[in-house]
Amino acid sequence: SKKALPRTEREERQTVGVEAMGAFLEAAKENRLYAYWCVLLFGGLRPSEALALRWEDIRGDTVQVNRVLVDVERREMYFAPPKSKKSRRAVVLPAVAIEALREHRRRQAQERVGAGPGWEDQGLVFTTEVGDLLRQDNTRWHFRNVLKAAKLPWMRIYDLRHSNASLLLAAGEDLKVVSERLGHSTLALTADVNA
C-alpha cells in the first residue's frame, strides 16, 4: 500500500466565521471600501478580480469576472486576463452585497463631483477618491482598521475569499458549486480551503 506523504505544516488560516460575521460587517460598514469587503466575502472573488471590476460587469445581482488588476509592488499596474479559463465566471451576489454596491455607487458619484476635472474616469467600481486604480497596499491599510474595529484577529484580505468558501461549505453547499463559484481549476483546491 502507498505510504501517505506527511502533510506539510501550514499556517493556520484565519477566516470570518458565522459567529464573527456580525462584528465584521458592522465594522466594515464604517469603511469607505465596505462594498469591496462584501464582494470578497459574499462573492468569493480574488482581490485582483474585484479591483478590476467595471460597473458594466455588474448586471442585476450578477458580477461577471473577466480580468484581473496586476499590481507589481509600487511599480506598474495593468489589467490582464484571469488566472485560468475557469476563473472567467459569473457570480451571483446576495442582497447585502448588491445593496452595498448601490450605496458605493452613490458615494462614488459624490467623489466624482468633488474631484471635478481631476477625476480619472475608467468605469471602475473600486477606485481611489479621484477615480484612479486602487493599490493592494492601500486596501490593506483599510482592512487592518476594519479588523481592529471588529476586534478580530489579523488575517489577509485574501482570507475573505476563503471565508466565503468555508461559509458556503458549512451551509451544506456542494463542493463542485463552491469550486465553480471561486473559479478554482480543480476541486482539490476548494477542498483544501476547508481543510
Protein backbone atom coordinates (compact mmCIF):
# COMPACT_ATOMS: atom_id res chain seq x y z
CA SER A 1 0.00 0.00 0.00
CA LYS A 2 1.13 3.54 -0.72
CA LYS A 3 2.53 5.37 2.25
CA ALA A 4 0.87 8.71 2.85
CA LEU A 5 3.22 11.61 2.48
CA PRO A 6 3.49 13.74 5.60
CA ARG A 7 1.31 16.84 5.29
CA THR A 8 3.36 19.98 5.10
CA GLU A 9 2.82 22.12 8.14
CA ARG A 10 0.68 25.02 7.12
CA GLU A 11 -0.03 28.27 8.83
CA GLU A 12 -3.45 28.16 10.44
CA ARG A 13 -5.74 30.13 8.15
CA GLN A 14 -7.94 32.80 9.67
CA THR A 15 -11.44 33.25 8.30
CA VAL A 16 -14.50 35.28 9.17
CA GLY A 17 -16.77 32.58 10.56
CA VAL A 18 -20.53 32.74 11.07
CA GLU A 19 -20.07 33.92 14.66
CA ALA A 20 -17.77 36.81 13.65
CA MET A 21 -19.83 37.88 10.62
CA GLY A 22 -21.95 40.45 12.50
CA ALA A 23 -18.96 42.17 14.09
CA PHE A 24 -17.05 42.20 10.80
CA LEU A 25 -19.91 43.72 8.77
CA GLU A 26 -20.70 46.26 11.48
CA ALA A 27 -17.09 47.50 11.46
CA ALA A 28 -16.79 47.25 7.65
CA LYS A 29 -19.91 49.43 7.17
CA GLU A 30 -17.98 52.40 8.53
CA ASN A 31 -15.25 51.89 5.93
CA ARG A 32 -15.10 53.58 2.51
CA LEU A 33 -14.47 50.16 0.92
CA TYR A 34 -17.44 48.39 2.55
CA ALA A 35 -18.75 47.19 -0.83
CA TYR A 36 -15.30 45.77 -1.67
CA TRP A 37 -15.26 43.69 1.53
CA CYS A 38 -18.80 42.48 0.72
CA VAL A 39 -17.83 41.42 -2.81
CA LEU A 40 -14.85 39.45 -1.47
CA LEU A 41 -16.71 37.88 1.44
CA PHE A 42 -20.03 37.11 -0.27
CA GLY A 43 -18.77 36.66 -3.83
CA GLY A 44 -15.52 34.83 -3.12
CA LEU A 45 -13.66 36.95 -5.68
CA ARG A 46 -9.88 37.25 -5.60
CA PRO A 47 -8.85 40.80 -4.59
CA SER A 48 -7.24 41.26 -8.03
CA GLU A 49 -10.55 40.30 -9.70
CA ALA A 50 -12.63 42.68 -7.58
CA LEU A 51 -10.23 45.59 -8.15
CA ALA A 52 -10.55 45.08 -11.92
CA LEU A 53 -14.38 45.20 -11.92
CA ARG A 54 -16.13 47.79 -14.07
CA TRP A 55 -19.69 48.92 -13.43
CA GLU A 56 -20.64 47.29 -16.73
CA ASP A 57 -19.53 43.93 -15.28
CA ILE A 58 -22.41 44.09 -12.78
CA ARG A 59 -25.85 43.22 -14.11
CA GLY A 60 -28.65 42.86 -11.58
CA ASP A 61 -27.29 40.61 -8.84
CA THR A 62 -24.59 39.06 -11.02
CA VAL A 63 -20.92 40.00 -11.32
CA GLN A 64 -19.03 38.93 -14.42
CA VAL A 65 -15.33 38.22 -13.77
CA ASN A 66 -13.36 38.90 -16.97
CA ARG A 67 -9.98 40.24 -15.90
CA VAL A 68 -7.62 40.96 -13.01
CA LEU A 69 -5.68 44.00 -11.89
CA VAL A 70 -2.00 43.11 -11.67
CA ASP A 71 -0.21 45.26 -9.11
CA VAL A 72 3.56 45.00 -9.33
CA GLU A 73 4.58 46.30 -5.90
CA ARG A 74 4.94 50.10 -6.11
CA ARG A 75 5.82 49.97 -9.79
CA GLU A 76 3.28 49.33 -12.50
CA MET A 77 -0.36 48.32 -12.57
CA TYR A 78 -2.15 46.78 -15.52
CA PHE A 79 -5.17 44.65 -16.44
CA ALA A 80 -4.68 41.04 -17.53
CA PRO A 81 -6.83 38.00 -18.33
CA PRO A 82 -7.85 35.92 -15.28
CA LYS A 83 -5.72 33.11 -13.84
CA SER A 84 -7.41 30.26 -15.74
CA LYS A 85 -10.32 29.55 -18.06
CA LYS A 86 -12.44 28.63 -15.04
CA SER A 87 -11.61 31.98 -13.44
CA ARG A 88 -13.80 33.69 -16.08
CA ARG A 89 -17.17 33.29 -14.44
CA ALA A 90 -20.44 34.87 -13.40
CA VAL A 91 -21.01 35.15 -9.65
CA VAL A 92 -24.42 35.82 -8.12
CA LEU A 93 -24.23 38.11 -5.09
CA PRO A 94 -26.66 38.16 -2.16
CA ALA A 95 -28.81 41.24 -1.46
CA VAL A 96 -26.45 42.57 1.25
CA ALA A 97 -23.60 42.87 -1.28
CA ILE A 98 -25.82 44.35 -4.02
CA GLU A 99 -27.12 46.98 -1.59
CA ALA A 100 -23.53 47.78 -0.56
CA LEU A 101 -22.61 48.25 -4.25
CA ARG A 102 -25.58 50.60 -4.80
CA GLU A 103 -24.50 52.69 -1.83
CA HIS A 104 -20.90 52.60 -3.07
CA ARG A 105 -22.00 53.89 -6.48
CA ARG A 106 -23.79 56.83 -4.83
CA ARG A 107 -20.67 57.67 -2.83
CA GLN A 108 -18.51 57.39 -5.93
CA ALA A 109 -20.78 59.85 -7.75
CA GLN A 110 -20.20 62.36 -4.91
CA GLU A 111 -16.44 61.77 -5.02
CA ARG A 112 -16.51 62.33 -8.78
CA VAL A 113 -18.22 65.71 -8.28
CA GLY A 114 -15.73 66.58 -5.53
CA ALA A 115 -12.73 65.71 -7.72
CA GLY A 116 -14.04 67.73 -10.67
CA PRO A 117 -11.79 67.61 -13.75
CA GLY A 118 -9.21 65.66 -11.71
CA TRP A 119 -11.39 62.53 -11.80
CA GLU A 120 -9.84 59.59 -13.69
CA ASP A 121 -12.84 58.02 -15.39
CA GLN A 122 -12.15 54.35 -16.10
CA GLY A 123 -15.59 52.99 -15.29
CA LEU A 124 -14.11 51.08 -12.35
CA VAL A 125 -16.16 50.03 -9.34
CA PHE A 126 -13.35 50.32 -6.77
CA THR A 127 -11.07 53.34 -7.08
CA THR A 128 -9.19 55.94 -5.09
CA GLU A 129 -11.03 59.17 -4.14
CA VAL A 130 -10.10 60.56 -7.57
CA GLY A 131 -11.11 57.54 -9.66
CA ASP A 132 -7.63 56.09 -10.01
CA LEU A 133 -6.63 52.40 -9.76
CA LEU A 134 -6.69 51.14 -6.19
CA ARG A 135 -3.44 49.63 -4.93
CA GLN A 136 -3.42 46.47 -2.83
CA ASP A 137 -1.40 48.12 -0.04
CA ASN A 138 -3.96 50.93 0.14
CA THR A 139 -6.70 48.34 0.71
CA ARG A 140 -4.56 46.53 3.32
CA TRP A 141 -4.47 49.66 5.47
CA HIS A 142 -8.29 49.92 5.32
CA PHE A 143 -8.65 46.22 6.11
CA ARG A 144 -6.44 46.44 9.21
CA ASN A 145 -8.69 49.22 10.52
CA VAL A 146 -11.82 47.12 9.94
CA LEU A 147 -10.34 44.11 11.76
CA LYS A 148 -9.23 46.31 14.64
CA ALA A 149 -12.69 47.89 14.97
CA ALA A 150 -14.33 44.43 14.83
CA LYS A 151 -11.83 43.10 17.41
CA LEU A 152 -10.96 40.24 15.06
CA PRO A 153 -7.54 38.56 14.75
CA TRP A 154 -5.24 39.65 11.94
CA MET A 155 -5.86 37.95 8.61
CA ARG A 156 -5.05 38.57 4.97
CA ILE A 157 -7.57 40.21 2.64
CA TYR A 158 -7.38 37.02 0.56
CA ASP A 159 -8.78 35.15 3.57
CA LEU A 160 -12.18 36.76 2.90
CA ARG A 161 -12.28 34.56 -0.21
CA HIS A 162 -11.52 31.51 1.93
CA SER A 163 -14.19 32.69 4.37
CA ASN A 164 -16.69 32.63 1.51
CA ALA A 165 -15.82 29.01 0.69
CA SER A 166 -15.93 27.92 4.35
CA LEU A 167 -19.30 29.60 4.94
CA LEU A 168 -20.83 28.02 1.83
CA LEU A 169 -19.45 24.56 2.60
CA ALA A 170 -20.58 24.86 6.25
CA ALA A 171 -24.07 25.77 4.99
CA GLY A 172 -24.10 22.49 3.06
CA GLU A 173 -23.35 23.84 -0.41
CA ASP A 174 -21.96 21.29 -2.85
CA LEU A 175 -18.15 21.28 -3.26
CA LYS A 176 -18.45 21.45 -7.05
CA VAL A 177 -20.74 24.51 -6.88
CA VAL A 178 -18.38 26.28 -4.47
CA SER A 179 -15.41 25.40 -6.70
CA GLU A 180 -17.11 26.90 -9.78
CA ARG A 181 -18.08 29.99 -7.82
CA LEU A 182 -14.47 30.58 -6.76
CA GLY A 183 -13.17 29.87 -10.26
CA HIS A 184 -10.87 27.12 -8.98
CA SER A 185 -9.24 24.95 -11.62
CA THR A 186 -9.66 21.78 -9.51
CA LEU A 187 -11.96 20.54 -6.74
CA ALA A 188 -8.89 19.68 -4.66
CA LEU A 189 -8.10 23.39 -4.35
CA THR A 190 -11.56 24.09 -2.97
CA ALA A 191 -11.47 21.11 -0.60
CA ASP A 192 -8.13 22.36 0.73
CA VAL A 193 -9.66 25.71 1.67
CA ASN A 194 -11.80 23.93 4.21
CA ALA A 195 -9.09 21.56 5.42
